[in-house]
Amino acid sequence: MKAAVLHGVDQPLLIEDIDIDEPRAGEVLVKTSATGVCHSDLHFMEGLYPTRFPVVLGHESAGVVEKIGEGVTNVAPGDRVVVAFVASCAICDNCVQGKPYLCTGGQGLGRHDRLSFGGESVTQFAGMSAFAEHQLISASACVPVPDDVPMEVAALVGCSVMTGVGAASNTARIEVGSTVAVVGCGGVGLNVIQGAIASGASRVIAVDMLENKLASAREFGATDVVDASSGDPVAAVQELVPGGVDYAFEAIGLTVTAEQCFEMIKRGGRAVIVGMLPAASSVTLPGAAFLGEKGMIGSFYGSTRQTHDMPWLMELYRQKRLKIDELISRRYDLDGINEAFAALKNGEVNRSVITFEE
């Protein structure tokens, strides 16, 4: 099968023919239909997070089940599915306690024994490797897709929509009437905005440095926008909401914006870190602020319980209560993947999607 292979940090992705195993017990082979181009993959391409090379990245996808392994009963060949990048084991402490997104017994962020290239093993990223024509995944990662939901829409539910909406609804559990700031208005940030509005926030302030991102934020429901390139965004937010907001979401992945989110919140408020801060970075917070019961929490994958949350997100889309088509700025085939990442780095798109032949 064809796949986009990364051989080292800051190298272009190469389209190569690689081999993929047959599904074993509990596994599913999926023919990829669409895959989103996410900033999280870029972190690994730029060396901000470690991985073993060569690797096939990609973690935001949907496709059609082609084969199933022994014991698989939740899907059958021909089924349309979203592929979740966390395959829960159902038996570790976190899974049993209703937190499958923090599973400690699943596939983790890389397997090295299922893909190969010229006799060399290739790392399978996030237990899926979605920048490829096929994916070999755990059956527990499959979420059914209704027939009237386009596959490119379902793919985005697999990461950016789930991560953003879930950060607001599941992780923070925004209360009706709350005030919210969202720092970073890319694909994930726009979905945090949608999640905050759906949760009943009275005011949602979008913060970004690019005019096109702020325009998108308004389209997705932001009540106010702050151009961070023209002044101190913390002061601007606190001018709009004296004393600070109830919740501030960091959706970029920078320590400076994480610290700014903490400064934006009021006494008793919460800063929610959604972006992937560089693995070796540290966040510095003023100790006295904790006397005001201010807090900072992380959000991973929108605290998703994929088989529960992804269906209702797709239902909101079907009811036109959730914008997903509007997230897609550009479409590419697999050969255009480096162009897609260049557009992402330049801030030109909300989300790009790699589409595959049906």
Protein backbone atom coordinates (compact mmCIF):
# COMPACT_ATOMS: atom_id res chain seq x y z
CA MET A 1 0.00 0.00 0.00
CA LYS A 2 1.05 3.62 -0.44
CA ALA A 3 1.88 5.63 2.67
CA ALA A 4 3.56 8.92 3.58
CA VAL A 5 6.75 7.93 5.42
CA LEU A 6 8.80 10.22 7.67
CA HIS A 7 12.46 9.18 7.86
CA GLY A 8 13.76 11.88 10.20
CA VAL A 9 13.17 15.24 11.89
CA ASP A 10 12.48 18.15 9.53
CA GLN A 11 12.47 15.90 6.48
CA PRO A 12 9.72 15.84 3.85
CA LEU A 13 7.26 12.98 3.89
CA LEU A 14 7.97 10.46 1.13
CA ILE A 15 5.21 8.52 -0.61
CA GLU A 16 6.38 4.91 -0.58
CA ASP A 17 5.00 1.39 -0.92
CA ILE A 18 5.02 -0.37 2.45
CA ASP A 19 3.73 -3.70 3.70
CA ILE A 20 0.99 -4.10 6.32
CA ASP A 21 0.11 -7.23 8.30
CA GLU A 22 -3.17 -9.10 8.27
CA PRO A 23 -5.48 -8.43 11.25
CA ARG A 24 -4.92 -10.60 14.30
CA ALA A 25 -7.45 -11.38 17.01
CA GLY A 26 -9.26 -8.21 18.08
CA GLU A 27 -7.95 -6.20 15.13
CA VAL A 28 -9.49 -4.62 12.05
CA LEU A 29 -8.06 -3.64 8.65
CA VAL A 30 -9.59 -0.38 7.46
CA LYS A 31 -9.36 1.12 3.97
CA THR A 32 -8.74 4.82 4.57
CA SER A 33 -11.26 7.24 3.06
CA ALA A 34 -10.13 10.58 4.54
CA THR A 35 -7.47 11.81 6.94
CA GLY A 36 -7.13 15.25 8.53
CA VAL A 37 -3.82 17.11 8.63
CA CYS A 38 -3.30 17.98 12.30
CA HIS A 39 -0.76 20.15 14.09
CA SER A 40 -0.03 17.27 16.48
CA ASP A 41 1.61 15.34 13.62
CA LEU A 42 3.73 18.42 12.93
CA HIS A 43 5.11 18.27 16.48
CA PHE A 44 6.63 14.87 15.69
CA MET A 45 7.87 16.01 12.28
CA GLU A 46 9.68 18.93 13.90
CA GLY A 47 11.15 16.83 16.72
CA LEU A 48 9.19 18.48 19.54
CA TYR A 49 8.01 15.01 20.52
CA PRO A 50 10.10 11.86 20.11
CA THR A 51 9.29 8.99 17.79
CA ARG A 52 11.15 6.10 16.23
CA PHE A 53 11.96 6.42 12.50
CA PRO A 54 10.84 5.57 9.92
CA VAL A 55 7.26 6.30 10.90
CA VAL A 56 3.88 6.73 9.21
CA LEU A 57 2.05 9.53 11.00
CA GLY A 58 -1.65 10.48 10.84
CA HIS A 59 -4.27 10.07 13.55
CA GLU A 60 -7.50 11.80 12.39
CA SER A 61 -9.30 9.51 9.99
CA ALA A 62 -12.31 7.56 8.81
CA GLY A 63 -12.60 4.61 6.47
CA VAL A 64 -14.32 1.37 5.54
CA VAL A 65 -13.70 -1.93 7.31
CA GLU A 66 -12.08 -4.35 4.87
CA LYS A 67 -11.13 -7.32 7.07
CA ILE A 68 -11.65 -8.34 10.70
CA GLY A 69 -9.62 -10.57 12.96
CA GLU A 70 -10.76 -13.39 15.18
CA GLY A 71 -13.25 -12.43 17.88
CA VAL A 72 -14.25 -9.05 16.43
CA THR A 73 -18.00 -8.55 16.80
CA ASN A 74 -18.54 -4.77 16.95
CA VAL A 75 -17.87 -4.17 13.23
CA ALA A 76 -18.05 -6.14 9.98
CA PRO A 77 -16.51 -5.77 6.51
CA GLY A 78 -18.16 -2.88 4.67
CA ASP A 79 -18.89 -0.83 7.80
CA ARG A 80 -18.03 2.88 7.71
CA VAL A 81 -16.06 3.90 10.82
CA VAL A 82 -14.28 6.75 12.55
CA VAL A 83 -10.91 5.57 13.84
CA ALA A 84 -10.17 6.80 17.38
CA PHE A 85 -6.47 7.22 18.12
CA VAL A 86 -6.88 5.83 21.64
CA ALA A 87 -7.80 2.15 21.64
CA SER A 88 -9.02 1.44 25.16
CA CYS A 89 -8.24 -1.92 26.77
CA ALA A 90 -11.40 -1.91 29.00
CA ILE A 91 -9.56 -3.49 31.94
CA CYS A 92 -7.00 -0.98 33.29
CA ASP A 93 -7.95 1.26 36.23
CA ASN A 94 -8.69 4.30 34.06
CA CYS A 95 -10.90 2.36 31.66
CA VAL A 96 -12.83 0.74 34.50
CA GLN A 97 -13.29 4.19 36.11
CA GLY A 98 -14.82 5.61 32.92
CA LYS A 99 -11.71 7.32 31.57
CA PRO A 100 -10.80 5.27 28.48
CA TYR A 101 -8.97 8.28 27.00
CA LEU A 102 -6.32 7.77 29.72
CA CYS A 103 -6.02 4.02 29.05
CA THR A 104 -2.72 2.57 30.25
CA GLY A 105 -3.19 -0.88 28.76
CA GLY A 106 -3.87 -0.08 25.11
CA GLN A 107 -1.59 0.34 22.11
CA GLY A 108 0.11 3.54 23.21
CA LEU A 109 1.64 5.98 20.72
CA GLY A 110 3.60 3.57 18.60
CA ARG A 111 3.91 -0.05 17.48
CA HIS A 112 6.89 -1.35 15.57
CA ASP A 113 5.90 -4.81 14.37
CA ARG A 114 2.97 -4.40 11.93
CA LEU A 115 4.32 -2.20 9.12
CA SER A 116 7.50 -2.73 7.10
CA PHE A 117 9.45 -1.19 4.24
CA GLY A 118 12.16 -3.08 2.39
CA GLY A 119 12.50 -5.52 5.28
CA GLU A 120 12.76 -2.70 7.85
CA SER A 121 10.09 -2.18 10.50
CA VAL A 122 8.10 1.05 10.29
CA THR A 123 6.58 2.67 13.36
CA GLN A 124 2.79 2.64 13.39
CA PHE A 125 1.83 5.97 14.92
CA ALA A 126 -0.98 6.08 17.50
CA GLY A 127 -1.86 2.48 16.74
CA MET A 128 -3.20 3.53 13.31
CA SER A 129 -0.86 5.47 10.92
CA ALA A 130 -3.57 7.24 8.96
CA PHE A 131 -1.39 8.76 6.23
CA ALA A 132 -1.75 5.49 4.36
CA GLU A 133 -4.20 3.68 2.13
CA HIS A 134 -4.94 1.12 4.86
CA GLN A 135 -4.83 1.09 8.66
CA LEU A 136 -4.46 -1.87 10.98
CA ILE A 137 -6.23 -0.95 14.22
CA SER A 138 -7.80 -2.30 17.37
CA ALA A 139 -11.50 -3.08 17.03
CA SER A 140 -12.10 -0.90 20.12
CA ALA A 141 -10.95 2.13 18.10
CA CYS A 142 -13.88 1.81 15.65
CA VAL A 143 -16.91 4.08 15.91
CA PRO A 144 -19.75 3.56 13.36
CA VAL A 145 -20.50 6.39 10.91
CA PRO A 146 -24.09 7.03 9.75
CA ASP A 147 -24.62 6.71 6.01
CA ASP A 148 -25.48 10.40 5.60
CA VAL A 149 -22.31 11.70 7.29
CA PRO A 150 -19.52 12.32 4.75
CA MET A 151 -16.30 10.47 5.46
CA GLU A 152 -14.20 13.65 5.54
CA VAL A 153 -16.55 14.99 8.21
CA ALA A 154 -16.29 11.75 10.17
CA ALA A 155 -12.49 11.95 9.96
CA LEU A 156 -12.44 15.34 11.67
CA VAL A 157 -14.72 14.02 14.41
CA GLY A 158 -11.86 11.59 15.06
CA CYS A 159 -9.60 14.34 16.43
CA SER A 160 -10.14 18.10 16.05
CA VAL A 161 -13.89 18.10 16.69
CA MET A 162 -13.69 15.62 19.55
CA THR A 163 -10.66 17.29 21.09
CA GLY A 164 -12.08 20.81 20.94
CA VAL A 165 -15.74 20.25 21.76
CA GLY A 166 -14.79 17.64 24.36
CA ALA A 167 -12.34 19.98 26.10
CA ALA A 168 -15.25 22.35 26.73
CA SER A 169 -18.01 19.85 27.46
CA ASN A 170 -16.15 16.92 29.05
CA THR A 171 -12.91 18.22 30.54
CA ALA A 172 -13.90 21.71 31.73
CA ARG A 173 -17.64 21.02 31.95
CA ILE A 174 -18.37 24.66 31.24
CA GLU A 175 -21.35 25.92 33.21
CA VAL A 176 -24.21 27.86 31.63
CA GLY A 177 -23.50 31.59 31.66
CA SER A 178 -19.71 31.21 31.93
CA THR A 179 -17.21 33.49 30.23
CA VAL A 180 -14.56 31.83 28.09
CA ALA A 181 -11.37 32.78 26.26
CA VAL A 182 -9.93 30.55 23.52
CA VAL A 183 -6.30 31.19 22.62
CA GLY A 184 -5.51 29.83 19.16
CA CYS A 185 -8.21 29.56 16.51
CA GLY A 186 -7.06 26.69 14.33
CA GLY A 187 -9.07 23.51 13.83
CA VAL A 188 -9.06 22.57 17.53
CA GLY A 189 -9.62 26.10 18.83
CA LEU A 190 -12.63 26.61 16.57
CA ASN A 191 -14.15 23.47 18.05
CA VAL A 192 -13.46 24.66 21.59
CA ILE A 193 -15.48 27.73 20.61
CA GLN A 194 -18.31 25.52 19.33
CA GLY A 195 -18.18 23.42 22.48
CA ALA A 196 -18.30 26.50 24.71
CA ILE A 197 -21.32 27.89 22.87
CA ALA A 198 -23.08 24.51 23.00
CA SER A 199 -22.39 24.35 26.75
CA GLY A 200 -24.16 27.68 27.30
CA ALA A 201 -21.24 30.11 27.67
CA SER A 202 -22.48 33.70 27.69
CA ARG A 203 -19.32 35.13 26.17
CA VAL A 204 -16.59 33.47 24.11
CA ILE A 205 -13.50 35.56 23.36
CA ALA A 206 -11.28 34.30 20.53
CA VAL A 207 -7.59 35.21 20.65
CA ASP A 208 -5.22 34.86 17.69
CA MET A 209 -2.59 36.78 15.74
CA LEU A 210 -4.00 36.15 12.24
CA GLU A 211 -6.92 38.07 10.76
CA ASN A 212 -8.22 35.03 8.84
CA LYS A 213 -8.29 32.96 12.05
CA LEU A 214 -10.25 35.62 13.92
CA ALA A 215 -12.73 35.84 11.03
CA SER A 216 -13.24 32.06 11.26
CA ALA A 217 -13.69 32.34 15.02
CA ARG A 218 -16.57 34.75 14.52
CA GLU A 219 -18.12 32.37 11.99
CA PHE A 220 -17.92 29.54 14.53
CA GLY A 221 -19.63 31.52 17.29
CA ALA A 222 -17.09 33.74 19.09
CA THR A 223 -18.79 36.79 20.60
CA ASP A 224 -15.56 38.83 20.75
CA VAL A 225 -12.13 38.67 19.14
CA VAL A 226 -8.70 39.82 20.31
CA ASP A 227 -5.83 40.40 17.89
CA ALA A 228 -2.83 39.24 19.91
CA SER A 229 -0.44 40.79 17.39
CA SER A 230 -1.52 44.31 18.30
CA GLY A 231 -1.03 44.28 22.06
CA ASP A 232 -1.17 42.33 25.32
CA PRO A 233 -3.88 39.67 24.92
CA VAL A 234 -4.23 39.23 28.69
CA ALA A 235 -5.01 42.92 29.18
CA ALA A 236 -7.39 42.85 26.22
CA VAL A 237 -9.34 39.91 27.63
CA GLN A 238 -9.52 41.44 31.09
CA GLU A 239 -10.72 44.71 29.60
CA LEU A 240 -13.61 42.80 28.01
CA VAL A 241 -14.29 40.82 31.19
CA PRO A 242 -13.03 42.73 34.24
CA GLY A 243 -11.42 40.40 36.76
CA GLY A 244 -10.89 37.67 34.18
CA VAL A 245 -12.84 34.89 32.50
CA ASP A 246 -14.14 31.70 34.07
CA TYR A 247 -12.25 29.49 31.62
CA ALA A 248 -9.33 30.05 29.25
CA PHE A 249 -8.35 27.37 26.75
CA GLU A 250 -4.87 27.08 25.24
CA ALA A 251 -5.21 25.54 21.77
CA ILE A 252 -1.80 26.18 20.21
CA GLY A 253 0.82 24.27 22.18
CA LEU A 254 3.11 27.02 23.50
CA THR A 255 4.25 27.64 27.07
CA VAL A 256 3.81 31.41 26.72
CA THR A 257 0.16 31.07 25.73
CA ALA A 258 -0.42 28.52 28.49
CA GLU A 259 0.88 31.06 31.00
CA GLN A 260 -1.25 33.79 29.42
CA CYS A 261 -4.34 31.62 29.82
CA PHE A 262 -3.62 31.31 33.53
CA GLU A 263 -3.34 35.10 33.75
CA MET A 264 -6.63 35.57 31.87
CA ILE A 265 -8.78 33.67 34.36
CA LYS A 266 -10.46 35.12 37.42
CA ARG A 267 -10.12 33.91 41.01
CA GLY A 268 -11.52 30.40 41.04
CA GLY A 269 -11.15 30.13 37.26
CA ARG A 270 -9.58 27.33 35.22
CA ALA A 271 -6.99 27.40 32.47
CA VAL A 272 -7.36 24.32 30.25
CA ILE A 273 -4.35 23.20 28.20
CA VAL A 274 -5.57 21.54 25.01
CA GLY A 275 -2.55 22.14 22.76
CA MET A 276 0.50 19.86 22.88
CA LEU A 277 3.16 21.79 24.78
CA PRO A 278 6.67 20.70 23.68
CA ALA A 279 7.70 17.57 25.57
CA ALA A 280 10.75 19.19 27.16
CA SER A 281 9.03 22.46 28.10
CA SER A 282 7.93 23.74 31.50
CA VAL A 283 5.19 26.18 32.49
CA THR A 284 5.89 28.78 35.21
CA LEU A 285 2.98 30.07 37.29
CA PRO A 286 2.88 32.67 40.10
CA GLY A 287 2.57 30.85 43.41
CA ALA A 288 0.41 33.49 45.09
CA ALA A 289 -2.29 33.03 42.45
CA PHE A 290 -3.20 29.66 43.95
CA LEU A 291 -4.47 31.42 47.04
CA GLY A 292 -7.30 32.59 44.82
CA GLU A 293 -8.07 28.96 43.89
CA LYS A 294 -7.03 29.50 40.29
CA GLY A 295 -6.16 26.26 38.56
CA MET A 296 -4.65 24.78 35.40
CA ILE A 297 -5.68 21.39 34.02
CA GLY A 298 -4.78 19.36 30.98
CA SER A 299 -7.20 18.00 28.42
CA PHE A 300 -6.32 14.94 26.35
CA TYR A 301 -8.49 14.08 23.36
CA GLY A 302 -11.43 16.01 24.81
CA SER A 303 -11.66 13.44 27.62
CA THR A 304 -13.46 11.26 25.08
CA ARG A 305 -15.36 8.06 25.60
CA GLN A 306 -15.30 7.53 21.86
CA THR A 307 -18.22 5.13 21.46
CA HIS A 308 -20.42 7.53 23.48
CA ASP A 309 -19.16 10.96 22.41
CA MET A 310 -18.43 10.62 18.71
CA PRO A 311 -21.98 9.48 17.82
CA TRP A 312 -23.58 12.53 19.46
CA LEU A 313 -21.12 14.84 17.74
CA MET A 314 -22.10 13.34 14.39
CA GLU A 315 -25.77 13.69 15.36
CA LEU A 316 -25.26 17.40 16.11
CA TYR A 317 -23.67 17.73 12.67
CA ARG A 318 -26.65 15.99 11.05
CA GLN A 319 -28.96 18.47 12.82
CA LYS A 320 -26.81 21.40 11.58
CA ARG A 321 -25.98 22.32 15.17
CA LEU A 322 -22.24 21.72 14.69
CA LYS A 323 -20.14 23.18 11.89
CA ILE A 324 -17.76 20.63 10.41
CA ASP A 325 -17.96 21.14 6.63
CA GLU A 326 -16.87 24.72 7.29
CA LEU A 327 -13.70 23.49 9.01
CA ILE A 328 -12.36 22.07 5.75
CA SER A 329 -10.35 24.72 3.93
CA ARG A 330 -8.54 22.50 1.41
CA ARG A 331 -8.46 18.95 0.11
CA TYR A 332 -5.39 17.10 -1.14
CA ASP A 333 -4.54 13.63 -2.35
CA LEU A 334 -1.74 11.75 -0.60
CA ASP A 335 0.87 13.11 -3.02
CA GLY A 336 0.06 16.64 -1.81
CA ILE A 337 0.67 15.97 1.86
CA ASN A 338 3.81 18.12 2.15
CA GLU A 339 1.93 21.02 0.57
CA ALA A 340 -0.84 20.46 3.12
CA PHE A 341 1.62 20.69 6.01
CA ALA A 342 3.18 23.85 4.54
CA ALA A 343 -0.27 25.47 4.47
CA LEU A 344 -0.82 24.38 8.07
CA LYS A 345 2.49 25.90 9.22
CA ASN A 346 1.69 29.16 7.45
CA GLY A 347 -1.70 29.46 9.16
CA GLU A 348 -3.56 29.40 5.84
CA VAL A 349 -6.19 26.80 6.73
CA ASN A 350 -8.65 25.76 9.40
CA ARG A 351 -8.16 22.13 8.44
CA SER A 352 -6.91 20.31 5.37
CA VAL A 353 -8.06 16.81 4.51
CA ILE A 354 -6.23 14.08 2.60
CA THR A 355 -8.77 12.13 0.55
CA PHE A 356 -8.29 8.65 -0.86
CA GLU A 357 -10.00 6.93 -3.77
CA GLU A 358 -13.07 4.95 -2.72
